[in-house]
Amino acid sequence: MSERATEGQVVMPFYIVCDVSGSMCGDMADLNAGVTGLRQEIMKDPVADDLAMLSVIAFDDAARTVMPLNFPSAMELQTLNCGGLTNYTAAFQEFHRAFEADRVRLKSEGKRVFRPCIFFLTDGEPTSRDHLQVFQQLLGYDPVTKQGNPRYPYVTPFGFRSATEESMKALAYPNFGEKKGRYFLAKQGASVPSLLKAISGMIGTSVLSSSLSGTVGTFQYTPPATDASPELEGSFVD
C-alpha cells in the first residue's frame, strides 16, 4: 500500500455477507470468481486500495468471517464452500462481532473509521425467524430518540432464486434519513452466473465510487444505482 495508509486516514469498511447454504452448491465457482474479480477491480485503483477495506462473511447454519477486513491488495483469498441452511440471524451476529473488533483495532492504529457497509447476497428465505429482531437489537438506530447503535451499517441486499421482495426490503437499511437503503431482486429469467457477475460489478462500482468520493470532497457512501443492471430490479425502502 502507498503512503496514504497512515495514521489519521479515513478507511471505509465493506462487508460482503454471502449465503453459502446448500441451495448455493451449484453456484460456488461463480461466487468465488465474483469475490476474486471484485478484489482485482478495486486493486487497480491505488487510491481506492488505500481507502477501502473488504471482508467476506459466509453463512449457512452458522456464520464465520472467511476473509477478515483488510485492504484489497493485502487480502488472503479463501475458497467459499457450501452446505446447510440459511441462517440470517447468525450472519448479522457475526457481522456485529467482526465490525466491533475491527473498529477497535483500526482506531487503535489511529485510523478514522467510516460507517460500515454490508452487501448481503442470498438465494433464499431465512430459516431463522428472529433475524429482524436481532438486527434491530444489535445494529438498529432510532434517529429521533438517539437510541440504539449510532454505528449502524448501510445494508444493501441482493436476492435471487427464492429470496422474496418482502425479505429483501426488510433488510435494506437505513429506513430513515436522506440516504435510505435500497434492495435488489433478480429479474425473471436471469441466470445465477450472470446475476453473480452483475452483483460483483455493482459492488465494485459502489466501493470505488465511495472510496474516491473523499478525493473531491467529503467521504460518502455511494450505493449501487437501482438501474445499474438489466439483470436486477432495484428499489428503495419506504
C-alpha atoms as a PDB file:
ATOM      1  CA  MET A   1       0.000   0.000   0.000  1.00  0.00           C
ATOM      2  CA  SER A   2       1.068   3.570  -0.526  1.00  0.00           C
ATOM      3  CA  GLU A   3       1.920   6.273   1.963  1.00  0.00           C
ATOM      4  CA  ARG A   4      -1.788   7.203   2.114  1.00  0.00           C
ATOM      5  CA  ALA A   5      -2.394   4.322   4.558  1.00  0.00           C
ATOM      6  CA  THR A   6      -1.171   6.348   7.510  1.00  0.00           C
ATOM      7  CA  GLU A   7      -2.335   7.364  10.956  1.00  0.00           C
ATOM      8  CA  GLY A   8      -5.394   9.596  10.810  1.00  0.00           C
ATOM      9  CA  GLN A   9      -6.564   8.426   7.412  1.00  0.00           C
ATOM     10  CA  VAL A  10     -10.199   7.559   6.812  1.00  0.00           C
ATOM     11  CA  VAL A  11     -10.883   3.919   5.962  1.00  0.00           C
ATOM     12  CA  MET A  12     -14.175   2.656   4.553  1.00  0.00           C
ATOM     13  CA  PRO A  13     -15.090  -0.889   5.664  1.00  0.00           C
ATOM     14  CA  PHE A  14     -17.183  -3.022   3.306  1.00  0.00           C
ATOM     15  CA  TYR A  15     -18.501  -6.437   4.321  1.00  0.00           C
ATOM     16  CA  ILE A  16     -19.643  -8.943   1.701  1.00  0.00           C
ATOM     17  CA  VAL A  17     -22.079 -11.245   3.524  1.00  0.00           C
ATOM     18  CA  CYS A  18     -22.664 -14.333   1.362  1.00  0.00           C
ATOM     19  CA  ASP A  19     -25.285 -17.070   1.590  1.00  0.00           C
ATOM     20  CA  VAL A  20     -23.443 -20.375   1.149  1.00  0.00           C
ATOM     21  CA  SER A  21     -26.318 -22.665   2.132  1.00  0.00           C
ATOM     22  CA  GLY A  22     -26.969 -25.959   0.385  1.00  0.00           C
ATOM     23  CA  SER A  23     -29.008 -24.372  -2.412  1.00  0.00           C
ATOM     24  CA  MET A  24     -25.886 -22.422  -3.444  1.00  0.00           C
ATOM     25  CA  CYS A  25     -23.719 -25.510  -4.005  1.00  0.00           C
ATOM     26  CA  GLY A  26     -24.041 -25.328  -7.768  1.00  0.00           C
ATOM     27  CA  ASP A  27     -23.028 -21.671  -7.785  1.00  0.00           C
ATOM     28  CA  MET A  28     -19.868 -21.660  -5.685  1.00  0.00           C
ATOM     29  CA  ALA A  29     -17.471 -21.390  -8.608  1.00  0.00           C
ATOM     30  CA  ASP A  30     -19.262 -18.263  -9.806  1.00  0.00           C
ATOM     31  CA  LEU A  31     -19.455 -16.818  -6.290  1.00  0.00           C
ATOM     32  CA  ASN A  32     -15.747 -17.373  -5.690  1.00  0.00           C
ATOM     33  CA  ALA A  33     -14.950 -15.866  -9.090  1.00  0.00           C
ATOM     34  CA  GLY A  34     -17.043 -12.833  -8.197  1.00  0.00           C
ATOM     35  CA  VAL A  35     -15.114 -12.237  -4.969  1.00  0.00           C
ATOM     36  CA  THR A  36     -11.797 -12.610  -6.787  1.00  0.00           C
ATOM     37  CA  GLY A  37     -12.889 -10.234  -9.541  1.00  0.00           C
ATOM     38  CA  LEU A  38     -14.131  -7.665  -7.035  1.00  0.00           C
ATOM     39  CA  ARG A  39     -10.784  -7.621  -5.243  1.00  0.00           C
ATOM     40  CA  GLN A  40      -8.877  -7.288  -8.502  1.00  0.00           C
ATOM     41  CA  GLU A  41     -11.073  -4.439  -9.720  1.00  0.00           C
ATOM     42  CA  ILE A  42     -10.522  -2.356  -6.574  1.00  0.00           C
ATOM     43  CA  MET A  43      -6.789  -3.087  -6.547  1.00  0.00           C
ATOM     44  CA  LYS A  44      -6.482  -1.445  -9.970  1.00  0.00           C
ATOM     45  CA  ASP A  45      -7.018   1.944  -8.327  1.00  0.00           C
ATOM     46  CA  PRO A  46      -4.249   2.688  -5.807  1.00  0.00           C
ATOM     47  CA  VAL A  47      -6.294   5.354  -4.023  1.00  0.00           C
ATOM     48  CA  ALA A  48      -9.274   3.020  -3.563  1.00  0.00           C
ATOM     49  CA  ASP A  49      -6.915   0.254  -2.466  1.00  0.00           C
ATOM     50  CA  ASP A  50      -5.697   2.519   0.344  1.00  0.00           C
ATOM     51  CA  LEU A  51      -9.160   3.642   1.479  1.00  0.00           C
ATOM     52  CA  ALA A  52     -11.500   0.682   1.007  1.00  0.00           C
ATOM     53  CA  MET A  53     -11.241  -2.345   3.262  1.00  0.00           C
ATOM     54  CA  LEU A  54     -13.037  -5.590   2.399  1.00  0.00           C
ATOM     55  CA  SER A  55     -14.199  -8.557   4.435  1.00  0.00           C
ATOM     56  CA  VAL A  56     -16.140 -11.656   3.424  1.00  0.00           C
ATOM     57  CA  ILE A  57     -18.573 -13.325   5.829  1.00  0.00           C
ATOM     58  CA  ALA A  58     -20.190 -16.623   4.827  1.00  0.00           C
ATOM     59  CA  PHE A  59     -23.324 -18.031   6.393  1.00  0.00           C
ATOM     60  CA  ASP A  60     -25.382 -21.225   6.290  1.00  0.00           C
ATOM     61  CA  ASP A  61     -26.426 -22.872   9.585  1.00  0.00           C
ATOM     62  CA  ALA A  62     -23.813 -20.675  11.244  1.00  0.00           C
ATOM     63  CA  ALA A  63     -21.729 -17.706  10.125  1.00  0.00           C
ATOM     64  CA  ARG A  64     -17.995 -17.117  10.030  1.00  0.00           C
ATOM     65  CA  THR A  65     -15.591 -14.500   8.783  1.00  0.00           C
ATOM     66  CA  VAL A  66     -13.827 -16.220   5.910  1.00  0.00           C
ATOM     67  CA  MET A  67     -11.713 -13.230   4.889  1.00  0.00           C
ATOM     68  CA  PRO A  68     -11.003 -10.723   7.684  1.00  0.00           C
ATOM     69  CA  LEU A  69     -11.219  -6.991   6.984  1.00  0.00           C
ATOM     70  CA  ASN A  70      -8.178  -5.778   5.096  1.00  0.00           C
ATOM     71  CA  PHE A  71      -7.092  -3.600   2.210  1.00  0.00           C
ATOM     72  CA  PRO A  72      -7.786  -5.470  -1.059  1.00  0.00           C
ATOM     73  CA  SER A  73      -4.141  -5.883  -2.019  1.00  0.00           C
ATOM     74  CA  ALA A  74      -3.407  -7.386   1.408  1.00  0.00           C
ATOM     75  CA  MET A  75      -6.355  -9.808   1.468  1.00  0.00           C
ATOM     76  CA  GLU A  76      -5.708 -13.523   1.522  1.00  0.00           C
ATOM     77  CA  LEU A  77      -8.343 -15.105  -0.697  1.00  0.00           C
ATOM     78  CA  GLN A  78     -10.075 -18.182   0.685  1.00  0.00           C
ATOM     79  CA  THR A  79     -12.418 -20.567  -1.107  1.00  0.00           C
ATOM     80  CA  LEU A  80     -16.061 -20.342  -0.098  1.00  0.00           C
ATOM     81  CA  ASN A  81     -17.738 -23.720   0.470  1.00  0.00           C
ATOM     82  CA  CYS A  82     -21.443 -24.548   0.698  1.00  0.00           C
ATOM     83  CA  GLY A  83     -23.814 -26.576   2.849  1.00  0.00           C
ATOM     84  CA  GLY A  84     -26.509 -26.179   5.459  1.00  0.00           C
ATOM     85  CA  LEU A  85     -29.490 -23.893   5.996  1.00  0.00           C
ATOM     86  CA  THR A  86     -29.981 -20.126   5.610  1.00  0.00           C
ATOM     87  CA  ASN A  87     -29.477 -18.502   8.999  1.00  0.00           C
ATOM     88  CA  TYR A  88     -29.807 -14.723   8.575  1.00  0.00           C
ATOM     89  CA  THR A  89     -29.582 -14.281  12.357  1.00  0.00           C
ATOM     90  CA  ALA A  90     -26.110 -15.804  12.511  1.00  0.00           C
ATOM     91  CA  ALA A  91     -24.992 -13.579   9.627  1.00  0.00           C
ATOM     92  CA  PHE A  92     -25.883 -10.359  11.433  1.00  0.00           C
ATOM     93  CA  GLN A  93     -24.463 -11.585  14.740  1.00  0.00           C
ATOM     94  CA  GLU A  94     -21.163 -12.378  13.047  1.00  0.00           C
ATOM     95  CA  PHE A  95     -21.073  -9.020  11.276  1.00  0.00           C
ATOM     96  CA  HIS A  96     -21.656  -7.216  14.568  1.00  0.00           C
ATOM     97  CA  ARG A  97     -18.909  -9.193  16.306  1.00  0.00           C
ATOM     98  CA  ALA A  98     -16.470  -8.695  13.443  1.00  0.00           C
ATOM     99  CA  PHE A  99     -17.073  -4.991  12.921  1.00  0.00           C
ATOM    100  CA  GLU A 100     -16.817  -4.110  16.598  1.00  0.00           C
ATOM    101  CA  ALA A 101     -13.473  -5.919  16.777  1.00  0.00           C
ATOM    102  CA  ASP A 102     -12.308  -4.348  13.506  1.00  0.00           C
ATOM    103  CA  ARG A 103     -13.301  -0.895  14.690  1.00  0.00           C
ATOM    104  CA  VAL A 104     -11.336  -1.229  17.932  1.00  0.00           C
ATOM    105  CA  ARG A 105      -8.292  -2.457  16.020  1.00  0.00           C
ATOM    106  CA  LEU A 106      -8.417   0.288  13.395  1.00  0.00           C
ATOM    107  CA  LYS A 107      -8.929   3.072  15.913  1.00  0.00           C
ATOM    108  CA  SER A 108      -6.006   1.770  17.952  1.00  0.00           C
ATOM    109  CA  GLU A 109      -3.939   2.191  14.770  1.00  0.00           C
ATOM    110  CA  GLY A 110      -5.059   5.817  14.539  1.00  0.00           C
ATOM    111  CA  LYS A 111      -7.476   5.272  11.643  1.00  0.00           C
ATOM    112  CA  ARG A 112     -10.783   7.099  11.317  1.00  0.00           C
ATOM    113  CA  VAL A 113     -13.472   4.516  10.540  1.00  0.00           C
ATOM    114  CA  PHE A 114     -16.316   5.378   8.180  1.00  0.00           C
ATOM    115  CA  ARG A 115     -19.766   3.887   8.675  1.00  0.00           C
ATOM    116  CA  PRO A 116     -19.673   0.196   7.661  1.00  0.00           C
ATOM    117  CA  CYS A 117     -21.439  -1.049   4.561  1.00  0.00           C
ATOM    118  CA  ILE A 118     -22.930  -4.527   4.111  1.00  0.00           C
ATOM    119  CA  PHE A 119     -23.644  -6.136   0.748  1.00  0.00           C
ATOM    120  CA  PHE A 120     -25.917  -9.063   1.602  1.00  0.00           C
ATOM    121  CA  LEU A 121     -26.257 -11.816  -1.032  1.00  0.00           C
ATOM    122  CA  THR A 122     -28.803 -14.611  -0.678  1.00  0.00           C
ATOM    123  CA  ASP A 123     -30.723 -17.023  -2.864  1.00  0.00           C
ATOM    124  CA  GLY A 124     -33.386 -17.923  -0.318  1.00  0.00           C
ATOM    125  CA  GLU A 125     -35.634 -17.163   2.589  1.00  0.00           C
ATOM    126  CA  PRO A 126     -34.264 -17.281   6.137  1.00  0.00           C
ATOM    127  CA  THR A 127     -34.607 -20.465   8.143  1.00  0.00           C
ATOM    128  CA  SER A 128     -34.116 -18.319  11.263  1.00  0.00           C
ATOM    129  CA  ARG A 129     -37.157 -16.331  12.416  1.00  0.00           C
ATOM    130  CA  ASP A 130     -35.632 -13.772  14.754  1.00  0.00           C
ATOM    131  CA  HIS A 131     -33.190 -12.079  12.368  1.00  0.00           C
ATOM    132  CA  LEU A 132     -35.053  -8.770  12.204  1.00  0.00           C
ATOM    133  CA  GLN A 133     -35.319  -8.609  15.983  1.00  0.00           C
ATOM    134  CA  VAL A 134     -31.608  -9.419  16.345  1.00  0.00           C
ATOM    135  CA  PHE A 135     -30.698  -6.873  13.670  1.00  0.00           C
ATOM    136  CA  GLN A 136     -32.631  -4.169  15.481  1.00  0.00           C
ATOM    137  CA  GLN A 137     -31.118  -5.089  18.835  1.00  0.00           C
ATOM    138  CA  LEU A 138     -27.526  -5.162  17.592  1.00  0.00           C
ATOM    139  CA  LEU A 139     -27.444  -2.739  14.684  1.00  0.00           C
ATOM    140  CA  GLY A 140     -30.613  -0.651  14.563  1.00  0.00           C
ATOM    141  CA  TYR A 141     -30.782   3.033  15.449  1.00  0.00           C
ATOM    142  CA  ASP A 142     -33.588   5.497  16.176  1.00  0.00           C
ATOM    143  CA  PRO A 143     -32.597   8.992  14.975  1.00  0.00           C
ATOM    144  CA  VAL A 144     -35.421  10.597  16.976  1.00  0.00           C
ATOM    145  CA  THR A 145     -34.687   9.121  20.401  1.00  0.00           C
ATOM    146  CA  LYS A 146     -30.956   8.579  19.664  1.00  0.00           C
ATOM    147  CA  GLN A 147     -31.356   5.057  20.994  1.00  0.00           C
ATOM    148  CA  GLY A 148     -29.618   2.056  19.503  1.00  0.00           C
ATOM    149  CA  ASN A 149     -26.361   1.676  17.619  1.00  0.00           C
ATOM    150  CA  PRO A 150     -25.036   5.007  16.281  1.00  0.00           C
ATOM    151  CA  ARG A 151     -22.594   2.999  14.159  1.00  0.00           C
ATOM    152  CA  TYR A 152     -25.437   1.315  12.279  1.00  0.00           C
ATOM    153  CA  PRO A 153     -24.436  -0.062   8.866  1.00  0.00           C
ATOM    154  CA  TYR A 154     -25.668   0.692   5.400  1.00  0.00           C
ATOM    155  CA  VAL A 155     -27.220  -2.586   4.204  1.00  0.00           C
ATOM    156  CA  THR A 156     -27.822  -3.369   0.526  1.00  0.00           C
ATOM    157  CA  PRO A 157     -29.375  -6.817  -0.006  1.00  0.00           C
ATOM    158  CA  PHE A 158     -29.353  -8.740  -3.293  1.00  0.00           C
ATOM    159  CA  GLY A 159     -31.902 -11.531  -3.585  1.00  0.00           C
ATOM    160  CA  PHE A 160     -32.369 -14.180  -6.247  1.00  0.00           C
ATOM    161  CA  ARG A 161     -33.896 -17.601  -6.730  1.00  0.00           C
ATOM    162  CA  SER A 162     -36.403 -17.984  -3.843  1.00  0.00           C
ATOM    163  CA  ALA A 163     -35.496 -14.813  -1.925  1.00  0.00           C
ATOM    164  CA  THR A 164     -38.616 -12.637  -1.750  1.00  0.00           C
ATOM    165  CA  GLU A 165     -39.091  -8.921  -2.114  1.00  0.00           C
ATOM    166  CA  GLU A 166     -40.593  -8.772   1.369  1.00  0.00           C
ATOM    167  CA  SER A 167     -37.478 -10.261   2.932  1.00  0.00           C
ATOM    168  CA  MET A 168     -35.031  -8.128   0.938  1.00  0.00           C
ATOM    169  CA  LYS A 169     -36.969  -4.932   1.604  1.00  0.00           C
ATOM    170  CA  ALA A 170     -36.958  -5.676   5.340  1.00  0.00           C
ATOM    171  CA  LEU A 171     -33.152  -5.908   5.315  1.00  0.00           C
ATOM    172  CA  ALA A 172     -32.443  -2.673   3.422  1.00  0.00           C
ATOM    173  CA  TYR A 173     -31.089  -0.074   5.847  1.00  0.00           C
ATOM    174  CA  PRO A 174     -31.289   2.646   6.982  1.00  0.00           C
ATOM    175  CA  ASN A 175     -35.030   3.219   6.708  1.00  0.00           C
ATOM    176  CA  PHE A 176     -34.661   6.869   7.708  1.00  0.00           C
ATOM    177  CA  GLY A 177     -32.737   9.959   6.646  1.00  0.00           C
ATOM    178  CA  GLU A 178     -31.755  11.312   3.261  1.00  0.00           C
ATOM    179  CA  LYS A 179     -29.874   8.206   2.124  1.00  0.00           C
ATOM    180  CA  LYS A 180     -32.368   5.413   2.669  1.00  0.00           C
ATOM    181  CA  GLY A 181     -31.476   1.823   1.980  1.00  0.00           C
ATOM    182  CA  ARG A 182     -32.179   0.040  -1.277  1.00  0.00           C
ATOM    183  CA  TYR A 183     -32.535  -3.587  -2.267  1.00  0.00           C
ATOM    184  CA  PHE A 184     -32.236  -5.635  -5.449  1.00  0.00           C
ATOM    185  CA  LEU A 185     -34.142  -8.631  -6.776  1.00  0.00           C
ATOM    186  CA  ALA A 186     -33.299 -10.814  -9.739  1.00  0.00           C
ATOM    187  CA  LYS A 187     -35.497 -10.296 -12.766  1.00  0.00           C
ATOM    188  CA  GLN A 188     -37.466 -13.179 -14.201  1.00  0.00           C
ATOM    189  CA  GLY A 189     -35.312 -15.481 -16.316  1.00  0.00           C
ATOM    190  CA  ALA A 190     -31.936 -14.155 -15.163  1.00  0.00           C
ATOM    191  CA  SER A 191     -29.354 -16.906 -14.734  1.00  0.00           C
ATOM    192  CA  VAL A 192     -27.456 -17.189 -11.478  1.00  0.00           C
ATOM    193  CA  PRO A 193     -23.991 -16.955 -13.111  1.00  0.00           C
ATOM    194  CA  SER A 194     -24.943 -13.731 -14.881  1.00  0.00           C
ATOM    195  CA  LEU A 195     -26.546 -12.399 -11.698  1.00  0.00           C
ATOM    196  CA  LEU A 196     -23.456 -13.032  -9.589  1.00  0.00           C
ATOM    197  CA  LYS A 197     -21.272 -11.370 -12.206  1.00  0.00           C
ATOM    198  CA  ALA A 198     -23.605  -8.363 -12.290  1.00  0.00           C
ATOM    199  CA  ILE A 199     -23.720  -8.129  -8.482  1.00  0.00           C
ATOM    200  CA  SER A 200     -19.931  -8.271  -8.261  1.00  0.00           C
ATOM    201  CA  GLY A 201     -19.687  -5.446 -10.796  1.00  0.00           C
ATOM    202  CA  MET A 202     -22.264  -3.337  -8.933  1.00  0.00           C
ATOM    203  CA  ILE A 203     -20.467  -3.802  -5.632  1.00  0.00           C
ATOM    204  CA  GLY A 204     -17.154  -2.915  -7.256  1.00  0.00           C
ATOM    205  CA  THR A 205     -18.558   0.305  -8.707  1.00  0.00           C
ATOM    206  CA  SER A 206     -20.074   1.220  -5.337  1.00  0.00           C
ATOM    207  CA  VAL A 207     -16.836   0.586  -3.439  1.00  0.00           C
ATOM    208  CA  LEU A 208     -14.741   2.530  -5.946  1.00  0.00           C
ATOM    209  CA  SER A 209     -17.136   5.490  -6.074  1.00  0.00           C
ATOM    210  CA  SER A 210     -17.439   5.601  -2.288  1.00  0.00           C
ATOM    211  CA  SER A 211     -13.701   5.394  -1.744  1.00  0.00           C
ATOM    212  CA  LEU A 212     -12.893   8.069  -4.308  1.00  0.00           C
ATOM    213  CA  SER A 213     -15.560  10.469  -3.028  1.00  0.00           C
ATOM    214  CA  GLY A 214     -13.115  11.788  -0.447  1.00  0.00           C
ATOM    215  CA  THR A 215     -10.680  12.917  -3.139  1.00  0.00           C
ATOM    216  CA  VAL A 216     -13.171  15.523  -4.393  1.00  0.00           C
ATOM    217  CA  GLY A 217     -14.977  16.405  -1.163  1.00  0.00           C
ATOM    218  CA  THR A 218     -16.478  14.691   1.865  1.00  0.00           C
ATOM    219  CA  PHE A 219     -16.381  10.911   2.108  1.00  0.00           C
ATOM    220  CA  GLN A 220     -19.785   9.404   1.456  1.00  0.00           C
ATOM    221  CA  TYR A 221     -21.242   6.012   0.669  1.00  0.00           C
ATOM    222  CA  THR A 222     -22.320   5.678  -2.952  1.00  0.00           C
ATOM    223  CA  PRO A 223     -24.755   2.740  -3.136  1.00  0.00           C
ATOM    224  CA  PRO A 224     -25.380   0.811  -6.346  1.00  0.00           C
ATOM    225  CA  ALA A 225     -27.762   2.597  -8.697  1.00  0.00           C
ATOM    226  CA  THR A 226     -31.206   0.989  -8.808  1.00  0.00           C
ATOM    227  CA  ASP A 227     -30.943   0.715 -12.618  1.00  0.00           C
ATOM    228  CA  ALA A 228     -27.322  -0.449 -12.667  1.00  0.00           C
ATOM    229  CA  SER A 229     -28.026  -3.860 -14.189  1.00  0.00           C
ATOM    230  CA  PRO A 230     -30.603  -5.284 -16.601  1.00  0.00           C
ATOM    231  CA  GLU A 231     -30.450  -8.488 -14.552  1.00  0.00           C
ATOM    232  CA  LEU A 232     -31.737  -6.917 -11.321  1.00  0.00           C
ATOM    233  CA  GLU A 233     -34.620  -4.711 -10.241  1.00  0.00           C
ATOM    234  CA  GLY A 234     -33.598  -2.107  -7.679  1.00  0.00           C
ATOM    235  CA  SER A 235     -35.962  -0.409  -5.242  1.00  0.00           C
ATOM    236  CA  PHE A 236     -35.754   1.990  -2.309  1.00  0.00           C
ATOM    237  CA  VAL A 237     -37.006   1.114   1.141  1.00  0.00           C
ATOM    238  CA  ASP A 238     -40.081   3.108   2.201  1.00  0.00           C
END
